[in-house]
Amino acid sequence: MQKCDLTGKGKQYGHNVSFSQRHTKKVWKPNLQSKTVVVNGKKVKMKLSTQAIRTLKKKGLLNPAEQPSRPTPTTTAKPAAKAKATAKTKS
């Protein structure tokens, strides 16, 4: 089911409207992520909307350390490129 377990945010219905004003049915689904949350000392797997996850992080109820970290870009490639450029200008 497309519904946030915490906030109750669910599908919204409407119409796509083309240039010719033809109305076709459209469904907007919430961005749900599966998260494991500690509730009363027990781990519970919940489907949470990204808006709810942001709010929990802001309130300090969801540990940001649990989130996977992104690799940091290395800056070693730039000095090597400069060394090649200076070698070309000398010759």
PDB file of N, CA and C in Angstrom:
ATOM      1  N   MET A   1       0.848  -1.177   0.000  1.00  0.00           N
ATOM      2  CA  MET A   1       0.000   0.000   0.000  1.00  0.00           C
ATOM      3  C   MET A   1       0.892   1.239   0.000  1.00  0.00           C
ATOM      4  N   GLN A   2       0.554   2.225  -0.796  1.00  0.00           N
ATOM      5  CA  GLN A   2       1.332   3.450  -0.920  1.00  0.00           C
ATOM      6  C   GLN A   2       0.890   4.443   0.153  1.00  0.00           C
ATOM      7  N   LYS A   3       1.328   4.198   1.421  1.00  0.00           N
ATOM      8  CA  LYS A   3       0.966   5.094   2.495  1.00  0.00           C
ATOM      9  C   LYS A   3       2.069   5.114   3.536  1.00  0.00           C
ATOM     10  N   CYS A   4       2.414   6.297   4.027  1.00  0.00           N
ATOM     11  CA  CYS A   4       3.430   6.434   5.062  1.00  0.00           C
ATOM     12  C   CYS A   4       2.856   5.908   6.375  1.00  0.00           C
ATOM     13  N   ASP A   5       3.636   5.053   7.063  1.00  0.00           N
ATOM     14  CA  ASP A   5       3.161   4.473   8.316  1.00  0.00           C
ATOM     15  C   ASP A   5       3.092   5.496   9.440  1.00  0.00           C
ATOM     16  N   LEU A   6       3.848   6.571   9.350  1.00  0.00           N
ATOM     17  CA  LEU A   6       3.900   7.555  10.421  1.00  0.00           C
ATOM     18  C   LEU A   6       2.936   8.708  10.199  1.00  0.00           C
ATOM     19  N   THR A   7       3.000   9.311   9.028  1.00  0.00           N
ATOM     20  CA  THR A   7       2.194  10.510   8.774  1.00  0.00           C
ATOM     21  C   THR A   7       0.872  10.218   8.074  1.00  0.00           C
ATOM     22  N   GLY A   8       0.745   9.059   7.450  1.00  0.00           N
ATOM     23  CA  GLY A   8      -0.482   8.732   6.733  1.00  0.00           C
ATOM     24  C   GLY A   8      -0.549   9.343   5.347  1.00  0.00           C
ATOM     25  N   LYS A   9       0.559   9.933   4.893  1.00  0.00           N
ATOM     26  CA  LYS A   9       0.588  10.530   3.557  1.00  0.00           C
ATOM     27  C   LYS A   9       0.404   9.423   2.526  1.00  0.00           C
ATOM     28  N   GLY A  10      -0.516   9.618   1.600  1.00  0.00           N
ATOM     29  CA  GLY A  10      -0.817   8.592   0.604  1.00  0.00           C
ATOM     30  C   GLY A  10      -0.914   9.154  -0.792  1.00  0.00           C
ATOM     31  N   LYS A  11      -1.542   8.381  -1.675  1.00  0.00           N
ATOM     32  CA  LYS A  11      -1.690   8.786  -3.069  1.00  0.00           C
ATOM     33  C   LYS A  11      -2.596  10.004  -3.178  1.00  0.00           C
ATOM     34  N   GLN A  12      -2.355  10.794  -4.221  1.00  0.00           N
ATOM     35  CA  GLN A  12      -3.243  11.891  -4.557  1.00  0.00           C
ATOM     36  C   GLN A  12      -3.674  11.710  -6.004  1.00  0.00           C
ATOM     37  N   TYR A  13      -4.930  12.051  -6.275  1.00  0.00           N
ATOM     38  CA  TYR A  13      -5.491  11.843  -7.599  1.00  0.00           C
ATOM     39  C   TYR A  13      -5.787  13.177  -8.267  1.00  0.00           C
ATOM     40  N   GLY A  14      -5.676  13.191  -9.590  1.00  0.00           N
ATOM     41  CA  GLY A  14      -5.985  14.397 -10.343  1.00  0.00           C
ATOM     42  C   GLY A  14      -6.002  14.082 -11.822  1.00  0.00           C
ATOM     43  N   HIS A  15      -5.773  15.096 -12.632  1.00  0.00           N
ATOM     44  CA  HIS A  15      -5.787  14.936 -14.073  1.00  0.00           C
ATOM     45  C   HIS A  15      -4.526  15.514 -14.688  1.00  0.00           C
ATOM     46  N   ASN A  16      -4.011  14.821 -15.698  1.00  0.00           N
ATOM     47  CA  ASN A  16      -3.030  15.414 -16.591  1.00  0.00           C
ATOM     48  C   ASN A  16      -3.835  16.222 -17.597  1.00  0.00           C
ATOM     49  N   VAL A  17      -3.408  17.438 -17.875  1.00  0.00           N
ATOM     50  CA  VAL A  17      -4.114  18.272 -18.842  1.00  0.00           C
ATOM     51  C   VAL A  17      -3.157  18.592 -19.977  1.00  0.00           C
ATOM     52  N   SER A  18      -3.483  18.108 -21.157  1.00  0.00           N
ATOM     53  CA  SER A  18      -2.628  18.325 -22.321  1.00  0.00           C
ATOM     54  C   SER A  18      -2.902  19.704 -22.918  1.00  0.00           C
ATOM     55  N   PHE A  19      -2.135  20.038 -23.960  1.00  0.00           N
ATOM     56  CA  PHE A  19      -2.305  21.314 -24.642  1.00  0.00           C
ATOM     57  C   PHE A  19      -3.717  21.438 -25.219  1.00  0.00           C
ATOM     58  N   SER A  20      -4.289  20.314 -25.648  1.00  0.00           N
ATOM     59  CA  SER A  20      -5.636  20.337 -26.222  1.00  0.00           C
ATOM     60  C   SER A  20      -6.715  20.259 -25.132  1.00  0.00           C
ATOM     61  N   GLN A  21      -6.307  20.390 -23.882  1.00  0.00           N
ATOM     62  CA  GLN A  21      -7.201  20.388 -22.713  1.00  0.00           C
ATOM     63  C   GLN A  21      -7.886  19.041 -22.472  1.00  0.00           C
ATOM     64  N   ARG A  22      -7.290  17.975 -22.989  1.00  0.00           N
ATOM     65  CA  ARG A  22      -7.819  16.634 -22.721  1.00  0.00           C
ATOM     66  C   ARG A  22      -7.393  16.246 -21.304  1.00  0.00           C
ATOM     67  N   HIS A  23      -8.328  15.777 -20.487  1.00  0.00           N
ATOM     68  CA  HIS A  23      -8.048  15.386 -19.109  1.00  0.00           C
ATOM     69  C   HIS A  23      -7.914  13.869 -19.017  1.00  0.00           C
ATOM     70  N   THR A  24      -6.740  13.408 -18.603  1.00  0.00           N
ATOM     71  CA  THR A  24      -6.535  11.983 -18.371  1.00  0.00           C
ATOM     72  C   THR A  24      -6.190  11.794 -16.900  1.00  0.00           C
ATOM     73  N   LYS A  25      -6.554  10.644 -16.351  1.00  0.00           N
ATOM     74  CA  LYS A  25      -6.361  10.400 -14.925  1.00  0.00           C
ATOM     75  C   LYS A  25      -4.882  10.302 -14.581  1.00  0.00           C
ATOM     76  N   LYS A  26      -4.528  10.829 -13.422  1.00  0.00           N
ATOM     77  CA  LYS A  26      -3.140  10.858 -12.969  1.00  0.00           C
ATOM     78  C   LYS A  26      -3.103  10.539 -11.477  1.00  0.00           C
ATOM     79  N   VAL A  27      -2.081   9.788 -11.061  1.00  0.00           N
ATOM     80  CA  VAL A  27      -1.894   9.472  -9.639  1.00  0.00           C
ATOM     81  C   VAL A  27      -0.498   9.922  -9.238  1.00  0.00           C
ATOM     82  N   TRP A  28      -0.407  10.705  -8.164  1.00  0.00           N
ATOM     83  CA  TRP A  28       0.875  11.099  -7.590  1.00  0.00           C
ATOM     84  C   TRP A  28       1.123  10.244  -6.363  1.00  0.00           C
ATOM     85  N   LYS A  29       2.241   9.521  -6.372  1.00  0.00           N
ATOM     86  CA  LYS A  29       2.563   8.636  -5.264  1.00  0.00           C
ATOM     87  C   LYS A  29       3.606   9.288  -4.369  1.00  0.00           C
ATOM     88  N   PRO A  30       3.530   9.061  -3.049  1.00  0.00           N
ATOM     89  CA  PRO A  30       4.538   9.636  -2.157  1.00  0.00           C
ATOM     90  C   PRO A  30       5.867   8.901  -2.304  1.00  0.00           C
ATOM     91  N   ASN A  31       6.955   9.592  -1.998  1.00  0.00           N
ATOM     92  CA  ASN A  31       8.292   9.005  -2.050  1.00  0.00           C
ATOM     93  C   ASN A  31       8.507   8.255  -0.742  1.00  0.00           C
ATOM     94  N   LEU A  32       8.269   6.945  -0.747  1.00  0.00           N
ATOM     95  CA  LEU A  32       8.383   6.132   0.462  1.00  0.00           C
ATOM     96  C   LEU A  32       9.702   5.386   0.486  1.00  0.00           C
ATOM     97  N   GLN A  33      10.315   5.340   1.669  1.00  0.00           N
ATOM     98  CA  GLN A  33      11.563   4.620   1.883  1.00  0.00           C
ATOM     99  C   GLN A  33      11.351   3.661   3.046  1.00  0.00           C
ATOM    100  N   SER A  34      11.946   2.493   2.962  1.00  0.00           N
ATOM    101  CA  SER A  34      11.851   1.520   4.032  1.00  0.00           C
ATOM    102  C   SER A  34      12.960   1.795   5.041  1.00  0.00           C
ATOM    103  N   LYS A  35      12.603   2.063   6.303  1.00  0.00           N
ATOM    104  CA  LYS A  35      13.571   2.393   7.351  1.00  0.00           C
ATOM    105  C   LYS A  35      13.306   1.532   8.585  1.00  0.00           C
ATOM    106  N   THR A  36      14.380   1.200   9.285  1.00  0.00           N
ATOM    107  CA  THR A  36      14.264   0.496  10.554  1.00  0.00           C
ATOM    108  C   THR A  36      14.378   1.529  11.661  1.00  0.00           C
ATOM    109  N   VAL A  37      13.342   1.618  12.497  1.00  0.00           N
ATOM    110  CA  VAL A  37      13.264   2.614  13.557  1.00  0.00           C
ATOM    111  C   VAL A  37      13.126   1.885  14.895  1.00  0.00           C
ATOM    112  N   VAL A  38      13.778   2.410  15.940  1.00  0.00           N
ATOM    113  CA  VAL A  38      13.663   1.822  17.272  1.00  0.00           C
ATOM    114  C   VAL A  38      12.467   2.445  17.967  1.00  0.00           C
ATOM    115  N   VAL A  39      11.467   1.605  18.315  1.00  0.00           N
ATOM    116  CA  VAL A  39      10.263   2.056  19.006  1.00  0.00           C
ATOM    117  C   VAL A  39      10.119   1.213  20.268  1.00  0.00           C
ATOM    118  N   ASN A  40      10.137   1.879  21.423  1.00  0.00           N
ATOM    119  CA  ASN A  40      10.038   1.206  22.726  1.00  0.00           C
ATOM    120  C   ASN A  40      11.094   0.117  22.889  1.00  0.00           C
ATOM    121  N   GLY A  41      12.300   0.378  22.418  1.00  0.00           N
ATOM    122  CA  GLY A  41      13.406  -0.564  22.557  1.00  0.00           C
ATOM    123  C   GLY A  41      13.406  -1.692  21.551  1.00  0.00           C
ATOM    124  N   LYS A  42      12.462  -1.710  20.630  1.00  0.00           N
ATOM    125  CA  LYS A  42      12.388  -2.764  19.612  1.00  0.00           C
ATOM    126  C   LYS A  42      12.596  -2.143  18.230  1.00  0.00           C
ATOM    127  N   LYS A  43      13.300  -2.884  17.368  1.00  0.00           N
ATOM    128  CA  LYS A  43      13.482  -2.427  15.999  1.00  0.00           C
ATOM    129  C   LYS A  43      12.247  -2.774  15.186  1.00  0.00           C
ATOM    130  N   VAL A  44      11.695  -1.763  14.519  1.00  0.00           N
ATOM    131  CA  VAL A  44      10.493  -1.932  13.708  1.00  0.00           C
ATOM    132  C   VAL A  44      10.787  -1.394  12.320  1.00  0.00           C
ATOM    133  N   LYS A  45      10.488  -2.181  11.290  1.00  0.00           N
ATOM    134  CA  LYS A  45      10.679  -1.746   9.909  1.00  0.00           C
ATOM    135  C   LYS A  45       9.415  -1.015   9.471  1.00  0.00           C
ATOM    136  N   MET A  46       9.590   0.227   8.997  1.00  0.00           N
ATOM    137  CA  MET A  46       8.453   1.058   8.610  1.00  0.00           C
ATOM    138  C   MET A  46       8.679   1.642   7.225  1.00  0.00           C
ATOM    139  N   LYS A  47       7.578   1.913   6.531  1.00  0.00           N
ATOM    140  CA  LYS A  47       7.636   2.660   5.280  1.00  0.00           C
ATOM    141  C   LYS A  47       7.376   4.111   5.625  1.00  0.00           C
ATOM    142  N   LEU A  48       8.399   4.963   5.435  1.00  0.00           N
ATOM    143  CA  LEU A  48       8.290   6.369   5.788  1.00  0.00           C
ATOM    144  C   LEU A  48       8.466   7.241   4.547  1.00  0.00           C
ATOM    145  N   SER A  49       7.710   8.324   4.515  1.00  0.00           N
ATOM    146  CA  SER A  49       7.906   9.284   3.433  1.00  0.00           C
ATOM    147  C   SER A  49       9.194  10.049   3.711  1.00  0.00           C
ATOM    148  N   THR A  50       9.795  10.585   2.664  1.00  0.00           N
ATOM    149  CA  THR A  50      11.053  11.311   2.830  1.00  0.00           C
ATOM    150  C   THR A  50      10.846  12.558   3.680  1.00  0.00           C
ATOM    151  N   GLN A  51       9.669  13.131   3.642  1.00  0.00           N
ATOM    152  CA  GLN A  51       9.360  14.290   4.476  1.00  0.00           C
ATOM    153  C   GLN A  51       9.376  13.889   5.951  1.00  0.00           C
ATOM    154  N   ALA A  52       8.841  12.709   6.279  1.00  0.00           N
ATOM    155  CA  ALA A  52       8.845  12.226   7.656  1.00  0.00           C
ATOM    156  C   ALA A  52      10.266  11.910   8.120  1.00  0.00           C
ATOM    157  N   ILE A  53      11.097  11.370   7.224  1.00  0.00           N
ATOM    158  CA  ILE A  53      12.485  11.057   7.567  1.00  0.00           C
ATOM    159  C   ILE A  53      13.244  12.344   7.880  1.00  0.00           C
ATOM    160  N   ARG A  54      13.032  13.398   7.093  1.00  0.00           N
ATOM    161  CA  ARG A  54      13.687  14.690   7.348  1.00  0.00           C
ATOM    162  C   ARG A  54      13.262  15.254   8.696  1.00  0.00           C
ATOM    163  N   THR A  55      11.970  15.147   9.020  1.00  0.00           N
ATOM    164  CA  THR A  55      11.474  15.664  10.287  1.00  0.00           C
ATOM    165  C   THR A  55      12.065  14.885  11.454  1.00  0.00           C
ATOM    166  N   LEU A  56      12.148  13.554  11.340  1.00  0.00           N
ATOM    167  CA  LEU A  56      12.721  12.738  12.406  1.00  0.00           C
ATOM    168  C   LEU A  56      14.196  13.069  12.617  1.00  0.00           C
ATOM    169  N   LYS A  57      14.927  13.312  11.524  1.00  0.00           N
ATOM    170  CA  LYS A  57      16.337  13.697  11.650  1.00  0.00           C
ATOM    171  C   LYS A  57      16.460  15.050  12.346  1.00  0.00           C
ATOM    172  N   LYS A  58      15.585  15.984  11.992  1.00  0.00           N
ATOM    173  CA  LYS A  58      15.624  17.324  12.569  1.00  0.00           C
ATOM    174  C   LYS A  58      15.339  17.278  14.065  1.00  0.00           C
ATOM    175  N   LYS A  59      14.390  16.441  14.473  1.00  0.00           N
ATOM    176  CA  LYS A  59      14.029  16.325  15.887  1.00  0.00           C
ATOM    177  C   LYS A  59      15.010  15.461  16.665  1.00  0.00           C
ATOM    178  N   GLY A  60      15.914  14.779  15.955  1.00  0.00           N
ATOM    179  CA  GLY A  60      16.904  13.938  16.626  1.00  0.00           C
ATOM    180  C   GLY A  60      16.386  12.556  16.970  1.00  0.00           C
ATOM    181  N   LEU A  61      15.280  12.161  16.380  1.00  0.00           N
ATOM    182  CA  LEU A  61      14.697  10.847  16.666  1.00  0.00           C
ATOM    183  C   LEU A  61      15.224   9.763  15.741  1.00  0.00           C
ATOM    184  N   LEU A  62      15.795  10.149  14.618  1.00  0.00           N
ATOM    185  CA  LEU A  62      16.391   9.200  13.688  1.00  0.00           C
ATOM    186  C   LEU A  62      17.878   9.505  13.640  1.00  0.00           C
ATOM    187  N   ASN A  63      18.685   8.487  13.929  1.00  0.00           N
ATOM    188  CA  ASN A  63      20.126   8.679  14.007  1.00  0.00           C
ATOM    189  C   ASN A  63      20.691   8.897  12.609  1.00  0.00           C
ATOM    190  N   PRO A  64      21.314  10.056  12.336  1.00  0.00           N
ATOM    191  CA  PRO A  64      21.871  10.276  11.004  1.00  0.00           C
ATOM    192  C   PRO A  64      23.042   9.355  10.695  1.00  0.00           C
ATOM    193  N   ALA A  65      23.658   8.755  11.723  1.00  0.00           N
ATOM    194  CA  ALA A  65      24.782   7.841  11.488  1.00  0.00           C
ATOM    195  C   ALA A  65      24.320   6.544  10.842  1.00  0.00           C
ATOM    196  N   GLU A  66      23.036   6.227  10.934  1.00  0.00           N
ATOM    197  CA  GLU A  66      22.506   5.002  10.337  1.00  0.00           C
ATOM    198  C   GLU A  66      22.445   5.097   8.820  1.00  0.00           C
ATOM    199  N   GLN A  67      22.418   6.311   8.304  1.00  0.00           N
ATOM    200  CA  GLN A  67      22.292   6.494   6.872  1.00  0.00           C
ATOM    201  C   GLN A  67      23.599   6.126   6.188  1.00  0.00           C
ATOM    202  N   PRO A  68      23.551   5.528   4.996  1.00  0.00           N
ATOM    203  CA  PRO A  68      24.795   5.206   4.293  1.00  0.00           C
ATOM    204  C   PRO A  68      25.511   6.483   3.886  1.00  0.00           C
ATOM    205  N   SER A  69      26.815   6.512   4.083  1.00  0.00           N
ATOM    206  CA  SER A  69      27.580   7.707   3.752  1.00  0.00           C
ATOM    207  C   SER A  69      28.010   7.662   2.294  1.00  0.00           C
ATOM    208  N   ARG A  70      28.069   8.816   1.687  1.00  0.00           N
ATOM    209  CA  ARG A  70      28.491   8.916   0.300  1.00  0.00           C
ATOM    210  C   ARG A  70      30.002   9.053   0.271  1.00  0.00           C
ATOM    211  N   PRO A  71      30.656   8.465  -0.705  1.00  0.00           N
ATOM    212  CA  PRO A  71      32.110   8.616  -0.786  1.00  0.00           C
ATOM    213  C   PRO A  71      32.474  10.065  -1.122  1.00  0.00           C
ATOM    214  N   THR A  72      33.508  10.567  -0.473  1.00  0.00           N
ATOM    215  CA  THR A  72      33.921  11.939  -0.730  1.00  0.00           C
ATOM    216  C   THR A  72      34.808  11.972  -1.963  1.00  0.00           C
ATOM    217  N   PRO A  73      34.647  12.959  -2.819  1.00  0.00           N
ATOM    218  CA  PRO A  73      35.477  13.024  -4.026  1.00  0.00           C
ATOM    219  C   PRO A  73      36.921  13.355  -3.659  1.00  0.00           C
ATOM    220  N   THR A  74      37.845  12.715  -4.341  1.00  0.00           N
ATOM    221  CA  THR A  74      39.257  12.971  -4.076  1.00  0.00           C
ATOM    222  C   THR A  74      39.738  14.088  -4.982  1.00  0.00           C
ATOM    223  N   THR A  75      40.682  14.863  -4.490  1.00  0.00           N
ATOM    224  CA  THR A  75      41.195  15.988  -5.267  1.00  0.00           C
ATOM    225  C   THR A  75      42.582  15.691  -5.830  1.00  0.00           C
ATOM    226  N   THR A  76      42.986  14.423  -5.855  1.00  0.00           N
ATOM    227  CA  THR A  76      44.319  14.075  -6.343  1.00  0.00           C
ATOM    228  C   THR A  76      44.405  14.160  -7.861  1.00  0.00           C
ATOM    229  N   ALA A  77      43.307  14.128  -8.567  1.00  0.00           N
ATOM    230  CA  ALA A  77      43.329  14.146 -10.030  1.00  0.00           C
ATOM    231  C   ALA A  77      43.724  15.519 -10.568  1.00  0.00           C
ATOM    232  N   LYS A  78      43.384  16.597  -9.885  1.00  0.00           N
ATOM    233  CA  LYS A  78      43.658  17.940 -10.390  1.00  0.00           C
ATOM    234  C   LYS A  78      45.154  18.277 -10.416  1.00  0.00           C
ATOM    235  N   PRO A  79      45.930  18.019  -9.351  1.00  0.00           N
ATOM    236  CA  PRO A  79      47.354  18.344  -9.445  1.00  0.00           C
ATOM    237  C   PRO A  79      48.072  17.542 -10.531  1.00  0.00           C
ATOM    238  N   ALA A  80      47.676  16.304 -10.773  1.00  0.00           N
ATOM    239  CA  ALA A  80      48.308  15.511 -11.827  1.00  0.00           C
ATOM    240  C   ALA A  80      48.042  16.136 -13.194  1.00  0.00           C
ATOM    241  N   ALA A  81      46.846  16.665 -13.386  1.00  0.00           N
ATOM    242  CA  ALA A  81      46.511  17.306 -14.652  1.00  0.00           C
ATOM    243  C   ALA A  81      47.339  18.573 -14.837  1.00  0.00           C
ATOM    244  N   LYS A  82      47.580  19.313 -13.747  1.00  0.00           N
ATOM    245  CA  LYS A  82      48.387  20.527 -13.849  1.00  0.00           C
ATOM    246  C   LYS A  82      49.831  20.182 -14.198  1.00  0.00           C
ATOM    247  N   ALA A  83      50.336  19.083 -13.646  1.00  0.00           N
ATOM    248  CA  ALA A  83      51.713  18.686 -13.931  1.00  0.00           C
ATOM    249  C   ALA A  83      51.873  18.362 -15.412  1.00  0.00           C
ATOM    250  N   LYS A  84      50.913  17.713 -16.002  1.00  0.00           N
ATOM    251  CA  LYS A  84      50.979  17.407 -17.431  1.00  0.00           C
ATOM    252  C   LYS A  84      50.913  18.680 -18.266  1.00  0.00           C
ATOM    253  N   ALA A  85      50.097  19.628 -17.838  1.00  0.00           N
ATOM    254  CA  ALA A  85      49.948  20.866 -18.577  1.00  0.00           C
ATOM    255  C   ALA A  85      51.235  21.673 -18.548  1.00  0.00           C
ATOM    256  N   THR A  86      51.913  21.692 -17.412  1.00  0.00           N
ATOM    257  CA  THR A  86      53.163  22.432 -17.332  1.00  0.00           C
ATOM    258  C   THR A  86      54.262  21.741 -18.139  1.00  0.00           C
ATOM    259  N   ALA A  87      54.227  20.426 -18.220  1.00  0.00           N
ATOM    260  CA  ALA A  87      55.227  19.699 -19.018  1.00  0.00           C
ATOM    261  C   ALA A  87      55.052  20.029 -20.502  1.00  0.00           C
ATOM    262  N   LYS A  88      53.832  20.213 -20.946  1.00  0.00           N
ATOM    263  CA  LYS A  88      53.575  20.522 -22.354  1.00  0.00           C
ATOM    264  C   LYS A  88      54.041  21.938 -22.689  1.00  0.00           C
ATOM    265  N   THR A  89      53.882  22.867 -21.775  1.00  0.00           N
ATOM    266  CA  THR A  89      54.237  24.253 -22.067  1.00  0.00           C
ATOM    267  C   THR A  89      55.745  24.444 -22.088  1.00  0.00           C
ATOM    268  N   LYS A  90      56.514  23.617 -21.369  1.00  0.00           N
ATOM    269  CA  LYS A  90      57.977  23.754 -21.338  1.00  0.00           C
ATOM    270  C   LYS A  90      58.620  23.292 -22.651  1.00  0.00           C
ATOM    271  N   SER A  91      58.020  22.327 -23.323  1.00  0.00           N
ATOM    272  CA  SER A  91      58.641  21.786 -24.536  1.00  0.00           C
ATOM    273  C   SER A  91      58.254  22.513 -25.794  1.00  0.00           C
TER     274      SER A  91
END
